């Protein structure tokens, strides 16, 4: 509605992300440009209608796909991973580009899960 209350509210809305990415991972970030879009996208994410796929460069060699099911902060957490490419590294031994599909959405899930199997995200290694 032009000039109506709803139109005024939408003009005041600042585009905002509908989810987050862990540090050191790559992926598409969904940004809502209106309240209606934010509500729709948030609902789709909550109902798991959007498949989230991320990539990360990790220190170490992953040779086969797998699933990490280690609980995080006492809550169920599941991350599926698939190595894309591994290469030798003088500094780190090996580096692996990995595809990640979180089934759950815990805080820092990807970073914490990868570190738990001995392949921390590059740049976050201890």
PDB file of N, CA and C in Angstrom:
ATOM      1  N   UNK A   1       0.839  -1.179   0.000  1.00  0.00           N
ATOM      2  CA  UNK A   1       0.000   0.000   0.000  1.00  0.00           C
ATOM      3  C   UNK A   1       0.875   1.231   0.000  1.00  0.00           C
ATOM      4  N   UNK A   2       0.696   2.042  -1.017  1.00  0.00           N
ATOM      5  CA  UNK A   2       1.496   3.251  -1.154  1.00  0.00           C
ATOM      6  C   UNK A   2       1.133   4.252  -0.077  1.00  0.00           C
ATOM      7  N   UNK A   3       2.111   4.626   0.729  1.00  0.00           N
ATOM      8  CA  UNK A   3       1.892   5.641   1.751  1.00  0.00           C
ATOM      9  C   UNK A   3       1.160   5.133   2.971  1.00  0.00           C
ATOM     10  N   UNK A   4       0.716   3.859   2.964  1.00  0.00           N
ATOM     11  CA  UNK A   4       0.008   3.308   4.110  1.00  0.00           C
ATOM     12  C   UNK A   4       0.965   2.919   5.217  1.00  0.00           C
ATOM     13  N   UNK A   5       0.407   2.436   6.315  1.00  0.00           N
ATOM     14  CA  UNK A   5       1.234   2.041   7.455  1.00  0.00           C
ATOM     15  C   UNK A   5       2.194   0.921   7.087  1.00  0.00           C
ATOM     16  N   UNK A   6       1.695  -0.087   6.332  1.00  0.00           N
ATOM     17  CA  UNK A   6       2.559  -1.199   5.950  1.00  0.00           C
ATOM     18  C   UNK A   6       3.706  -0.721   5.077  1.00  0.00           C
ATOM     19  N   UNK A   7       3.422   0.162   4.124  1.00  0.00           N
ATOM     20  CA  UNK A   7       4.468   0.689   3.259  1.00  0.00           C
ATOM     21  C   UNK A   7       5.507   1.447   4.054  1.00  0.00           C
ATOM     22  N   UNK A   8       5.077   2.210   5.056  1.00  0.00           N
ATOM     23  CA  UNK A   8       6.008   2.953   5.899  1.00  0.00           C
ATOM     24  C   UNK A   8       6.887   2.024   6.702  1.00  0.00           C
ATOM     25  N   UNK A   9       6.300   0.949   7.227  1.00  0.00           N
ATOM     26  CA  UNK A   9       7.094  -0.025   7.990  1.00  0.00           C
ATOM     27  C   UNK A   9       8.126  -0.684   7.103  1.00  0.00           C
ATOM     28  N   UNK A  10       7.757  -1.039   5.864  1.00  0.00           N
ATOM     29  CA  UNK A  10       8.691  -1.698   4.961  1.00  0.00           C
ATOM     30  C   UNK A  10       9.823  -0.751   4.581  1.00  0.00           C
ATOM     31  N   UNK A  11       9.525   0.539   4.420  1.00  0.00           N
ATOM     32  CA  UNK A  11      10.587   1.497   4.087  1.00  0.00           C
ATOM     33  C   UNK A  11      11.589   1.617   5.220  1.00  0.00           C
ATOM     34  N   UNK A  12      11.154   1.382   6.467  1.00  0.00           N
ATOM     35  CA  UNK A  12      12.033   1.474   7.616  1.00  0.00           C
ATOM     36  C   UNK A  12      12.808   0.183   7.857  1.00  0.00           C
ATOM     37  N   UNK A  13      12.423  -0.895   7.213  1.00  0.00           N
ATOM     38  CA  UNK A  13      13.094  -2.179   7.388  1.00  0.00           C
ATOM     39  C   UNK A  13      14.476  -2.132   6.754  1.00  0.00           C
ATOM     40  N   UNK A  14      15.475  -2.573   7.489  1.00  0.00           N
ATOM     41  CA  UNK A  14      16.835  -2.646   6.960  1.00  0.00           C
ATOM     42  C   UNK A  14      17.102  -4.091   6.551  1.00  0.00           C
ATOM     43  N   UNK A  15      17.610  -4.312   5.331  1.00  0.00           N
ATOM     44  CA  UNK A  15      17.917  -5.687   4.922  1.00  0.00           C
ATOM     45  C   UNK A  15      18.743  -6.391   5.993  1.00  0.00           C
ATOM     46  N   UNK A  16      18.370  -7.642   6.274  1.00  0.00           N
ATOM     47  CA  UNK A  16      19.060  -8.364   7.338  1.00  0.00           C
ATOM     48  C   UNK A  16      19.208  -9.842   6.983  1.00  0.00           C
ATOM     49  N   UNK A  17      20.311 -10.460   7.479  1.00  0.00           N
ATOM     50  CA  UNK A  17      20.521 -11.885   7.215  1.00  0.00           C
ATOM     51  C   UNK A  17      19.463 -12.739   7.907  1.00  0.00           C
ATOM     52  N   UNK A  18      19.100 -13.841   7.260  1.00  0.00           N
ATOM     53  CA  UNK A  18      18.100 -14.757   7.827  1.00  0.00           C
ATOM     54  C   UNK A  18      18.749 -15.940   8.534  1.00  0.00           C
ATOM     55  N   UNK A  19      20.060 -16.042   8.464  1.00  0.00           N
ATOM     56  CA  UNK A  19      20.804 -17.106   9.140  1.00  0.00           C
ATOM     57  C   UNK A  19      22.245 -16.640   9.255  1.00  0.00           C
ATOM     58  N   UNK A  20      23.129 -17.502   9.723  1.00  0.00           N
ATOM     59  CA  UNK A  20      24.529 -17.104   9.901  1.00  0.00           C
ATOM     60  C   UNK A  20      25.459 -18.137   9.264  1.00  0.00           C
ATOM     61  N   UNK A  21      26.689 -17.718   9.025  1.00  0.00           N
ATOM     62  CA  UNK A  21      27.741 -18.608   8.536  1.00  0.00           C
ATOM     63  C   UNK A  21      28.839 -18.645   9.581  1.00  0.00           C
ATOM     64  N   UNK A  22      29.388 -19.822   9.834  1.00  0.00           N
ATOM     65  CA  UNK A  22      30.538 -19.922  10.730  1.00  0.00           C
ATOM     66  C   UNK A  22      31.738 -19.250  10.075  1.00  0.00           C
ATOM     67  N   UNK A  23      32.624 -18.722  10.872  1.00  0.00           N
ATOM     68  CA  UNK A  23      33.854 -18.117  10.384  1.00  0.00           C
ATOM     69  C   UNK A  23      34.652 -19.147   9.593  1.00  0.00           C
ATOM     70  N   UNK A  24      35.195 -18.733   8.470  1.00  0.00           N
ATOM     71  CA  UNK A  24      36.058 -19.618   7.691  1.00  0.00           C
ATOM     72  C   UNK A  24      35.335 -20.551   6.747  1.00  0.00           C
ATOM     73  N   UNK A  25      34.017 -20.443   6.654  1.00  0.00           N
ATOM     74  CA  UNK A  25      33.279 -21.283   5.716  1.00  0.00           C
ATOM     75  C   UNK A  25      32.765 -20.404   4.592  1.00  0.00           C
ATOM     76  N   UNK A  26      32.439 -21.011   3.482  1.00  0.00           N
ATOM     77  CA  UNK A  26      31.867 -20.283   2.365  1.00  0.00           C
ATOM     78  C   UNK A  26      30.469 -20.772   2.115  1.00  0.00           C
ATOM     79  N   UNK A  27      29.645 -19.924   1.553  1.00  0.00           N
ATOM     80  CA  UNK A  27      28.284 -20.324   1.240  1.00  0.00           C
ATOM     81  C   UNK A  27      27.453 -19.118   0.891  1.00  0.00           C
ATOM     82  N   UNK A  28      26.246 -19.350   0.503  1.00  0.00           N
ATOM     83  CA  UNK A  28      25.311 -18.296   0.151  1.00  0.00           C
ATOM     84  C   UNK A  28      24.635 -17.799   1.420  1.00  0.00           C
ATOM     85  N   UNK A  29      24.607 -16.503   1.597  1.00  0.00           N
ATOM     86  CA  UNK A  29      23.943 -15.917   2.761  1.00  0.00           C
ATOM     87  C   UNK A  29      22.639 -15.308   2.288  1.00  0.00           C
ATOM     88  N   UNK A  30      21.527 -15.734   2.881  1.00  0.00           N
ATOM     89  CA  UNK A  30      20.214 -15.207   2.509  1.00  0.00           C
ATOM     90  C   UNK A  30      19.942 -13.921   3.277  1.00  0.00           C
ATOM     91  N   UNK A  31      19.631 -12.852   2.533  1.00  0.00           N
ATOM     92  CA  UNK A  31      19.345 -11.542   3.114  1.00  0.00           C
ATOM     93  C   UNK A  31      17.918 -11.166   2.726  1.00  0.00           C
ATOM     94  N   UNK A  32      17.108 -10.849   3.707  1.00  0.00           N
ATOM     95  CA  UNK A  32      15.735 -10.428   3.450  1.00  0.00           C
ATOM     96  C   UNK A  32      15.698  -8.922   3.238  1.00  0.00           C
ATOM     97  N   UNK A  33      14.948  -8.486   2.232  1.00  0.00           N
ATOM     98  CA  UNK A  33      14.828  -7.061   1.952  1.00  0.00           C
ATOM     99  C   UNK A  33      13.543  -6.466   2.514  1.00  0.00           C
ATOM    100  N   UNK A  34      12.686  -7.317   3.081  1.00  0.00           N
ATOM    101  CA  UNK A  34      11.434  -6.829   3.671  1.00  0.00           C
ATOM    102  C   UNK A  34      11.049  -7.726   4.846  1.00  0.00           C
ATOM    103  N   UNK A  35      10.149  -7.244   5.678  1.00  0.00           N
ATOM    104  CA  UNK A  35       9.675  -8.050   6.799  1.00  0.00           C
ATOM    105  C   UNK A  35       8.976  -9.321   6.307  1.00  0.00           C
ATOM    106  N   UNK A  36       8.197  -9.175   5.234  1.00  0.00           N
ATOM    107  CA  UNK A  36       7.478 -10.326   4.684  1.00  0.00           C
ATOM    108  C   UNK A  36       8.466 -11.385   4.188  1.00  0.00           C
ATOM    109  N   UNK A  37       9.513 -10.947   3.488  1.00  0.00           N
ATOM    110  CA  UNK A  37      10.534 -11.890   3.010  1.00  0.00           C
ATOM    111  C   UNK A  37      11.269 -12.526   4.182  1.00  0.00           C
ATOM    112  N   UNK A  38      11.586 -11.735   5.219  1.00  0.00           N
ATOM    113  CA  UNK A  38      12.284 -12.257   6.403  1.00  0.00           C
ATOM    114  C   UNK A  38      11.440 -13.338   7.072  1.00  0.00           C
ATOM    115  N   UNK A  39      10.155 -13.085   7.221  1.00  0.00           N
ATOM    116  CA  UNK A  39       9.271 -14.067   7.860  1.00  0.00           C
ATOM    117  C   UNK A  39       9.185 -15.332   7.014  1.00  0.00           C
ATOM    118  N   UNK A  40       9.062 -15.178   5.706  1.00  0.00           N
ATOM    119  CA  UNK A  40       8.967 -16.337   4.827  1.00  0.00           C
ATOM    120  C   UNK A  40      10.232 -17.176   4.831  1.00  0.00           C
ATOM    121  N   UNK A  41      11.373 -16.510   4.682  1.00  0.00           N
ATOM    122  CA  UNK A  41      12.652 -17.235   4.684  1.00  0.00           C
ATOM    123  C   UNK A  41      12.931 -17.884   6.033  1.00  0.00           C
ATOM    124  N   UNK A  42      12.664 -17.161   7.111  1.00  0.00           N
ATOM    125  CA  UNK A  42      12.890 -17.726   8.451  1.00  0.00           C
ATOM    126  C   UNK A  42      12.024 -18.955   8.674  1.00  0.00           C
ATOM    127  N   UNK A  43      10.786 -18.898   8.202  1.00  0.00           N
ATOM    128  CA  UNK A  43       9.890 -20.047   8.326  1.00  0.00           C
ATOM    129  C   UNK A  43      10.390 -21.243   7.537  1.00  0.00           C
ATOM    130  N   UNK A  44      10.856 -21.006   6.316  1.00  0.00           N
ATOM    131  CA  UNK A  44      11.386 -22.093   5.495  1.00  0.00           C
ATOM    132  C   UNK A  44      12.625 -22.710   6.140  1.00  0.00           C
ATOM    133  N   UNK A  45      13.491 -21.876   6.697  1.00  0.00           N
ATOM    134  CA  UNK A  45      14.678 -22.391   7.374  1.00  0.00           C
ATOM    135  C   UNK A  45      14.297 -23.198   8.612  1.00  0.00           C
ATOM    136  N   UNK A  46      13.339 -22.701   9.390  1.00  0.00           N
ATOM    137  CA  UNK A  46      12.913 -23.397  10.610  1.00  0.00           C
ATOM    138  C   UNK A  46      12.278 -24.752  10.295  1.00  0.00           C
ATOM    139  N   UNK A  47      11.556 -24.827   9.173  1.00  0.00           N
ATOM    140  CA  UNK A  47      10.899 -26.083   8.770  1.00  0.00           C
ATOM    141  C   UNK A  47      11.848 -26.992   7.985  1.00  0.00           C
ATOM    142  N   UNK A  48      13.105 -26.586   7.862  1.00  0.00           N
ATOM    143  CA  UNK A  48      14.138 -27.349   7.153  1.00  0.00           C
ATOM    144  C   UNK A  48      13.778 -27.582   5.681  1.00  0.00           C
ATOM    145  N   UNK A  49      13.135 -26.573   5.067  1.00  0.00           N
ATOM    146  CA  UNK A  49      12.784 -26.651   3.653  1.00  0.00           C
ATOM    147  C   UNK A  49      13.911 -26.154   2.761  1.00  0.00           C
ATOM    148  N   UNK A  50      14.927 -25.573   3.348  1.00  0.00           N
ATOM    149  CA  UNK A  50      16.083 -25.067   2.616  1.00  0.00           C
ATOM    150  C   UNK A  50      17.283 -25.951   2.960  1.00  0.00           C
ATOM    151  N   UNK A  51      17.911 -26.512   1.952  1.00  0.00           N
ATOM    152  CA  UNK A  51      19.099 -27.326   2.199  1.00  0.00           C
ATOM    153  C   UNK A  51      20.306 -26.400   2.253  1.00  0.00           C
ATOM    154  N   UNK A  52      21.028 -26.451   3.356  1.00  0.00           N
ATOM    155  CA  UNK A  52      22.216 -25.624   3.536  1.00  0.00           C
ATOM    156  C   UNK A  52      23.446 -26.456   3.167  1.00  0.00           C
ATOM    157  N   UNK A  53      24.266 -25.912   2.268  1.00  0.00           N
ATOM    158  CA  UNK A  53      25.488 -26.574   1.847  1.00  0.00           C
ATOM    159  C   UNK A  53      26.618 -25.554   1.949  1.00  0.00           C
ATOM    160  N   UNK A  54      27.689 -25.918   2.645  1.00  0.00           N
ATOM    161  CA  UNK A  54      28.820 -25.021   2.857  1.00  0.00           C
ATOM    162  C   UNK A  54      30.096 -25.685   2.381  1.00  0.00           C
ATOM    163  N   UNK A  55      31.119 -24.880   2.156  1.00  0.00           N
ATOM    164  CA  UNK A  55      32.447 -25.411   1.876  1.00  0.00           C
ATOM    165  C   UNK A  55      33.417 -24.807   2.877  1.00  0.00           C
ATOM    166  N   UNK A  56      34.434 -25.583   3.216  1.00  0.00           N
ATOM    167  CA  UNK A  56      35.467 -25.096   4.128  1.00  0.00           C
ATOM    168  C   UNK A  56      36.783 -25.747   3.748  1.00  0.00           C
ATOM    169  N   UNK A  57      37.862 -25.040   4.005  1.00  0.00           N
ATOM    170  CA  UNK A  57      39.197 -25.592   3.820  1.00  0.00           C
ATOM    171  C   UNK A  57      39.703 -25.988   5.198  1.00  0.00           C
ATOM    172  N   UNK A  58      39.989 -27.279   5.364  1.00  0.00           N
ATOM    173  CA  UNK A  58      40.384 -27.782   6.677  1.00  0.00           C
ATOM    174  C   UNK A  58      41.818 -28.289   6.670  1.00  0.00           C
ATOM    175  N   UNK A  59      42.440 -28.249   7.839  1.00  0.00           N
ATOM    176  CA  UNK A  59      43.786 -28.762   8.031  1.00  0.00           C
ATOM    177  C   UNK A  59      43.671 -30.256   8.304  1.00  0.00           C
ATOM    178  N   UNK A  60      44.339 -31.058   7.503  1.00  0.00           N
ATOM    179  CA  UNK A  60      44.284 -32.505   7.652  1.00  0.00           C
ATOM    180  C   UNK A  60      43.710 -33.139   6.406  1.00  0.00           C
ATOM    181  N   UNK A  61      43.706 -34.451   6.399  1.00  0.00           N
ATOM    182  CA  UNK A  61      43.254 -35.190   5.222  1.00  0.00           C
ATOM    183  C   UNK A  61      41.981 -35.963   5.542  1.00  0.00           C
ATOM    184  N   UNK A  62      40.936 -35.644   4.827  1.00  0.00           N
ATOM    185  CA  UNK A  62      39.685 -36.403   4.895  1.00  0.00           C
ATOM    186  C   UNK A  62      39.597 -37.183   3.593  1.00  0.00           C
ATOM    187  N   UNK A  63      39.420 -38.496   3.691  1.00  0.00           N
ATOM    188  CA  UNK A  63      39.446 -39.317   2.484  1.00  0.00           C
ATOM    189  C   UNK A  63      38.080 -39.832   2.055  1.00  0.00           C
ATOM    190  N   UNK A  64      37.121 -39.877   2.973  1.00  0.00           N
ATOM    191  CA  UNK A  64      35.812 -40.429   2.638  1.00  0.00           C
ATOM    192  C   UNK A  64      34.716 -39.580   3.272  1.00  0.00           C
ATOM    193  N   UNK A  65      33.531 -39.593   2.671  1.00  0.00           N
ATOM    194  CA  UNK A  65      32.405 -38.875   3.277  1.00  0.00           C
ATOM    195  C   UNK A  65      32.076 -39.462   4.642  1.00  0.00           C
ATOM    196  N   UNK A  66      31.443 -38.659   5.470  1.00  0.00           N
ATOM    197  CA  UNK A  66      31.071 -39.141   6.791  1.00  0.00           C
ATOM    198  C   UNK A  66      30.044 -38.254   7.456  1.00  0.00           C
ATOM    199  N   UNK A  67      29.677 -38.637   8.661  1.00  0.00           N
ATOM    200  CA  UNK A  67      28.706 -37.900   9.461  1.00  0.00           C
ATOM    201  C   UNK A  67      29.282 -37.730  10.860  1.00  0.00           C
ATOM    202  N   UNK A  68      29.233 -36.507  11.369  1.00  0.00           N
ATOM    203  CA  UNK A  68      29.676 -36.224  12.732  1.00  0.00           C
ATOM    204  C   UNK A  68      28.416 -36.026  13.566  1.00  0.00           C
ATOM    205  N   UNK A  69      28.315 -36.798  14.669  1.00  0.00           N
ATOM    206  CA  UNK A  69      27.092 -36.751  15.488  1.00  0.00           C
ATOM    207  C   UNK A  69      27.361 -36.338  16.929  1.00  0.00           C
ATOM    208  N   UNK A  70      28.519 -35.749  17.176  1.00  0.00           N
ATOM    209  CA  UNK A  70      28.869 -35.350  18.535  1.00  0.00           C
ATOM    210  C   UNK A  70      27.917 -34.256  19.031  1.00  0.00           C
ATOM    211  N   UNK A  71      27.255 -34.474  20.183  1.00  0.00           N
ATOM    212  CA  UNK A  71      26.379 -33.428  20.732  1.00  0.00           C
ATOM    213  C   UNK A  71      27.179 -32.160  21.050  1.00  0.00           C
ATOM    214  N   UNK A  72      26.547 -31.015  20.893  1.00  0.00           N
ATOM    215  CA  UNK A  72      27.180 -29.734  21.207  1.00  0.00           C
ATOM    216  C   UNK A  72      26.356 -29.030  22.279  1.00  0.00           C
ATOM    217  N   UNK A  73      27.015 -28.659  23.349  1.00  0.00           N
ATOM    218  CA  UNK A  73      26.347 -27.996  24.481  1.00  0.00           C
ATOM    219  C   UNK A  73      25.148 -28.808  24.964  1.00  0.00           C
ATOM    220  N   UNK A  74      25.309 -30.141  24.981  1.00  0.00           N
ATOM    221  CA  UNK A  74      24.252 -31.018  25.469  1.00  0.00           C
ATOM    222  C   UNK A  74      23.091 -31.215  24.518  1.00  0.00           C
ATOM    223  N   UNK A  75      23.215 -30.717  23.276  1.00  0.00           N
ATOM    224  CA  UNK A  75      22.123 -30.852  22.307  1.00  0.00           C
ATOM    225  C   UNK A  75      22.577 -31.684  21.112  1.00  0.00           C
ATOM    226  N   UNK A  76      21.622 -32.367  20.501  1.00  0.00           N
ATOM    227  CA  UNK A  76      21.885 -33.168  19.304  1.00  0.00           C
ATOM    228  C   UNK A  76      22.453 -32.253  18.215  1.00  0.00           C
ATOM    229  N   UNK A  77      23.490 -32.714  17.547  1.00  0.00           N
ATOM    230  CA  UNK A  77      24.092 -31.961  16.450  1.00  0.00           C
ATOM    231  C   UNK A  77      24.603 -32.949  15.411  1.00  0.00           C
ATOM    232  N   UNK A  78      24.261 -32.716  14.148  1.00  0.00           N
ATOM    233  CA  UNK A  78      24.633 -33.641  13.074  1.00  0.00           C
ATOM    234  C   UNK A  78      25.174 -32.839  11.884  1.00  0.00           C
ATOM    235  N   UNK A  79      26.368 -33.210  11.434  1.00  0.00           N
ATOM    236  CA  UNK A  79      26.976 -32.591  10.262  1.00  0.00           C
ATOM    237  C   UNK A  79      27.417 -33.680   9.295  1.00  0.00           C
ATOM    238  N   UNK A  80      26.953 -33.592   8.051  1.00  0.00           N
ATOM    239  CA  UNK A  80      27.393 -34.494   6.982  1.00  0.00           C
ATOM    240  C   UNK A  80      28.536 -33.798   6.249  1.00  0.00           C
ATOM    241  N   UNK A  81      29.584 -34.547   5.908  1.00  0.00           N
ATOM    242  CA  UNK A  81      30.687 -33.944   5.176  1.00  0.00           C
ATOM    243  C   UNK A  81      31.118 -34.836   4.024  1.00  0.00           C
ATOM    244  N   UNK A  82      31.675 -34.185   2.996  1.00  0.00           N
ATOM    245  CA  UNK A  82      32.177 -34.901   1.818  1.00  0.00           C
ATOM    246  C   UNK A  82      33.443 -34.204   1.335  1.00  0.00           C
ATOM    247  N   UNK A  83      34.574 -34.907   1.381  1.00  0.00           N
ATOM    248  CA  UNK A  83      35.805 -34.312   0.863  1.00  0.00           C
ATOM    249  C   UNK A  83      35.673 -34.054  -0.635  1.00  0.00           C
ATOM    250  N   UNK A  84      36.121 -32.885  -1.065  1.00  0.00           N
ATOM    251  CA  UNK A  84      36.096 -32.542  -2.490  1.00  0.00           C
ATOM    252  C   UNK A  84      37.481 -32.739  -3.095  1.00  0.00           C
ATOM    253  N   UNK A  85      38.485 -32.233  -2.384  1.00  0.00           N
ATOM    254  CA  UNK A  85      39.863 -32.346  -2.875  1.00  0.00           C
ATOM    255  C   UNK A  85      40.823 -32.192  -1.712  1.00  0.00           C
ATOM    256  N   UNK A  86      41.882 -32.978  -1.736  1.00  0.00           N
ATOM    257  CA  UNK A  86      42.914 -32.899  -0.710  1.00  0.00           C
ATOM    258  C   UNK A  86      44.252 -32.671  -1.395  1.00  0.00           C
ATOM    259  N   UNK A  87      45.104 -31.894  -0.743  1.00  0.00           N
ATOM    260  CA  UNK A  87      46.421 -31.637  -1.308  1.00  0.00           C
ATOM    261  C   UNK A  87      47.458 -31.581  -0.194  1.00  0.00           C
ATOM    262  N   UNK A  88      48.689 -31.949  -0.540  1.00  0.00           N
ATOM    263  CA  UNK A  88      49.775 -31.873   0.439  1.00  0.00           C
ATOM    264  C   UNK A  88      50.113 -30.411   0.710  1.00  0.00           C
ATOM    265  N   UNK A  89      50.537 -30.151   1.933  1.00  0.00           N
ATOM    266  CA  UNK A  89      50.916 -28.799   2.344  1.00  0.00           C
ATOM    267  C   UNK A  89      52.192 -28.883   3.167  1.00  0.00           C
ATOM    268  N   UNK A  90      53.186 -28.089   2.818  1.00  0.00           N
ATOM    269  CA  UNK A  90      54.425 -28.091   3.604  1.00  0.00           C
ATOM    270  C   UNK A  90      54.164 -27.661   5.037  1.00  0.00           C
ATOM    271  N   UNK A  91      53.337 -26.682   5.185  1.00  0.00           N
ATOM    272  CA  UNK A  91      53.095 -26.114   6.519  1.00  0.00           C
ATOM    273  C   UNK A  91      52.153 -26.969   7.364  1.00  0.00           C
ATOM    274  N   UNK A  92      51.107 -27.543   6.742  1.00  0.00           N
ATOM    275  CA  UNK A  92      50.069 -28.225   7.512  1.00  0.00           C
ATOM    276  C   UNK A  92      50.006 -29.738   7.291  1.00  0.00           C
ATOM    277  N   UNK A  93      50.844 -30.271   6.444  1.00  0.00           N
ATOM    278  CA  UNK A  93      50.772 -31.702   6.141  1.00  0.00           C
ATOM    279  C   UNK A  93      49.811 -31.952   4.991  1.00  0.00           C
ATOM    280  N   UNK A  94      48.519 -31.711   5.238  1.00  0.00           N
ATOM    281  CA  UNK A  94      47.493 -31.817   4.200  1.00  0.00           C
ATOM    282  C   UNK A  94      46.435 -30.740   4.428  1.00  0.00           C
ATOM    283  N   UNK A  95      45.809 -30.327   3.342  1.00  0.00           N
ATOM    284  CA  UNK A  95      44.639 -29.451   3.387  1.00  0.00           C
ATOM    285  C   UNK A  95      43.548 -30.134   2.576  1.00  0.00           C
ATOM    286  N   UNK A  96      42.316 -30.056   3.052  1.00  0.00           N
ATOM    287  CA  UNK A  96      41.195 -30.669   2.351  1.00  0.00           C
ATOM    288  C   UNK A  96      40.071 -29.659   2.189  1.00  0.00           C
ATOM    289  N   UNK A  97      39.580 -29.540   0.957  1.00  0.00           N
ATOM    290  CA  UNK A  97      38.371 -28.762   0.698  1.00  0.00           C
ATOM    291  C   UNK A  97      37.207 -29.708   0.928  1.00  0.00           C
ATOM    292  N   UNK A  98      36.282 -29.325   1.774  1.00  0.00           N
ATOM    293  CA  UNK A  98      35.203 -30.229   2.171  1.00  0.00           C
ATOM    294  C   UNK A  98      33.846 -29.549   2.020  1.00  0.00           C
ATOM    295  N   UNK A  99      32.875 -30.321   1.556  1.00  0.00           N
ATOM    296  CA  UNK A  99      31.487 -29.867   1.482  1.00  0.00           C
ATOM    297  C   UNK A  99      30.802 -30.265   2.782  1.00  0.00           C
ATOM    298  N   UNK A 100      30.044 -29.345   3.351  1.00  0.00           N
ATOM    299  CA  UNK A 100      29.394 -29.575   4.645  1.00  0.00           C
ATOM    300  C   UNK A 100      27.893 -29.358   4.526  1.00  0.00           C
ATOM    301  N   UNK A 101      27.125 -30.287   5.109  1.00  0.00           N
ATOM    302  CA  UNK A 101      25.667 -30.158   5.141  1.00  0.00           C
ATOM    303  C   UNK A 101      25.205 -30.373   6.578  1.00  0.00           C
ATOM    304  N   UNK A 102      24.986 -29.285   7.312  1.00  0.00           N
ATOM    305  CA  UNK A 102      24.510 -29.454   8.685  1.00  0.00           C
ATOM    306  C   UNK A 102      23.039 -29.877   8.688  1.00  0.00           C
ATOM    307  N   UNK A 103      22.757 -30.885   9.464  1.00  0.00           N
ATOM    308  CA  UNK A 103      21.369 -31.341   9.633  1.00  0.00           C
ATOM    309  C   UNK A 103      20.699 -30.550  10.749  1.00  0.00           C
ATOM    310  N   UNK A 104      21.508 -30.085  11.693  1.00  0.00           N
ATOM    311  CA  UNK A 104      21.030 -29.251  12.793  1.00  0.00           C
ATOM    312  C   UNK A 104      21.750 -27.911  12.694  1.00  0.00           C
ATOM    313  N   UNK A 105      21.369 -26.962  13.478  1.00  0.00           N
ATOM    314  CA  UNK A 105      21.962 -25.630  13.377  1.00  0.00           C
ATOM    315  C   UNK A 105      22.455 -25.093  14.708  1.00  0.00           C
ATOM    316  N   UNK A 106      23.383 -25.778  15.304  1.00  0.00           N
ATOM    317  CA  UNK A 106      23.938 -25.325  16.589  1.00  0.00           C
ATOM    318  C   UNK A 106      24.986 -24.234  16.381  1.00  0.00           C
ATOM    319  N   UNK A 107      25.163 -23.424  17.396  1.00  0.00           N
ATOM    320  CA  UNK A 107      26.140 -22.329  17.336  1.00  0.00           C
ATOM    321  C   UNK A 107      27.549 -22.891  17.095  1.00  0.00           C
ATOM    322  N   UNK A 108      28.210 -22.374  16.077  1.00  0.00           N
ATOM    323  CA  UNK A 108      29.565 -22.783  15.698  1.00  0.00           C
ATOM    324  C   UNK A 108      29.664 -24.285  15.408  1.00  0.00           C
ATOM    325  N   UNK A 109      28.565 -24.871  14.960  1.00  0.00           N
ATOM    326  CA  UNK A 109      28.519 -26.315  14.741  1.00  0.00           C
ATOM    327  C   UNK A 109      29.589 -26.806  13.788  1.00  0.00           C
ATOM    328  N   UNK A 110      29.733 -26.188  12.632  1.00  0.00           N
ATOM    329  CA  UNK A 110      30.681 -26.690  11.645  1.00  0.00           C
ATOM    330  C   UNK A 110      32.109 -26.610  12.173  1.00  0.00           C
ATOM    331  N   UNK A 111      32.470 -25.476  12.728  1.00  0.00           N
ATOM    332  CA  UNK A 111      33.815 -25.297  13.279  1.00  0.00           C
ATOM    333  C   UNK A 111      34.088 -26.313  14.376  1.00  0.00           C
ATOM    334  N   UNK A 112      33.153 -26.463  15.289  1.00  0.00           N
ATOM    335  CA  UNK A 112      33.350 -27.359  16.431  1.00  0.00           C
ATOM    336  C   UNK A 112      33.374 -28.828  15.994  1.00  0.00           C
ATOM    337  N   UNK A 113      32.495 -29.204  15.073  1.00  0.00           N
ATOM    338  CA  UNK A 113      32.468 -30.590  14.612  1.00  0.00           C
ATOM    339  C   UNK A 113      33.741 -30.954  13.858  1.00  0.00           C
ATOM    340  N   UNK A 114      34.188 -30.076  12.971  1.00  0.00           N
ATOM    341  CA  UNK A 114      35.410 -30.381  12.224  1.00  0.00           C
ATOM    342  C   UNK A 114      36.613 -30.497  13.156  1.00  0.00           C
ATOM    343  N   UNK A 115      36.705 -29.612  14.126  1.00  0.00           N
ATOM    344  CA  UNK A 115      37.813 -29.688  15.088  1.00  0.00           C
ATOM    345  C   UNK A 115      37.739 -30.989  15.889  1.00  0.00           C
ATOM    346  N   UNK A 116      36.534 -31.462  16.169  1.00  0.00           N
ATOM    347  CA  UNK A 116      36.381 -32.675  16.987  1.00  0.00           C
ATOM    348  C   UNK A 116      36.901 -33.926  16.298  1.00  0.00           C
ATOM    349  N   UNK A 117      37.005 -33.913  14.970  1.00  0.00           N
ATOM    350  CA  UNK A 117      37.545 -35.082  14.257  1.00  0.00           C
ATOM    351  C   UNK A 117      38.984 -34.830  13.797  1.00  0.00           C
ATOM    352  N   UNK A 118      39.594 -33.772  14.341  1.00  0.00           N
ATOM    353  CA  UNK A 118      41.000 -33.518  14.064  1.00  0.00           C
ATOM    354  C   UNK A 118      41.289 -32.792  12.774  1.00  0.00           C
ATOM    355  N   UNK A 119      40.276 -32.158  12.189  1.00  0.00           N
ATOM    356  CA  UNK A 119      40.473 -31.388  10.955  1.00  0.00           C
ATOM    357  C   UNK A 119      39.876 -29.995  11.121  1.00  0.00           C
ATOM    358  N   UNK A 120      40.562 -29.124  11.864  1.00  0.00           N
ATOM    359  CA  UNK A 120      40.035 -27.780  12.094  1.00  0.00           C
ATOM    360  C   UNK A 120      40.010 -26.950  10.802  1.00  0.00           C
ATOM    361  N   UNK A 121      39.109 -25.998  10.751  1.00  0.00           N
ATOM    362  CA  UNK A 121      39.047 -25.077   9.622  1.00  0.00           C
ATOM    363  C   UNK A 121      40.332 -24.256   9.583  1.00  0.00           C
ATOM    364  N   UNK A 122      40.913 -24.124   8.402  1.00  0.00           N
ATOM    365  CA  UNK A 122      42.144 -23.361   8.236  1.00  0.00           C
ATOM    366  C   UNK A 122      41.938 -21.942   8.758  1.00  0.00           C
ATOM    367  N   UNK A 123      42.877 -21.483   9.544  1.00  0.00           N
ATOM    368  CA  UNK A 123      42.769 -20.150  10.141  1.00  0.00           C
ATOM    369  C   UNK A 123      42.245 -20.201  11.561  1.00  0.00           C
ATOM    370  N   UNK A 124      41.618 -21.330  11.916  1.00  0.00           N
ATOM    371  CA  UNK A 124      41.091 -21.516  13.263  1.00  0.00           C
ATOM    372  C   UNK A 124      41.883 -22.594  13.994  1.00  0.00           C
ATOM    373  N   UNK A 125      42.941 -23.120  13.357  1.00  0.00           N
ATOM    374  CA  UNK A 125      43.742 -24.184  13.966  1.00  0.00           C
ATOM    375  C   UNK A 125      44.488 -23.657  15.174  1.00  0.00           C
ATOM    376  N   UNK A 126      44.580 -24.489  16.212  1.00  0.00           N
ATOM    377  CA  UNK A 126      45.278 -24.085  17.441  1.00  0.00           C
ATOM    378  C   UNK A 126      46.768 -24.037  17.234  1.00  0.00           C
TER     379      UNK A 126
END
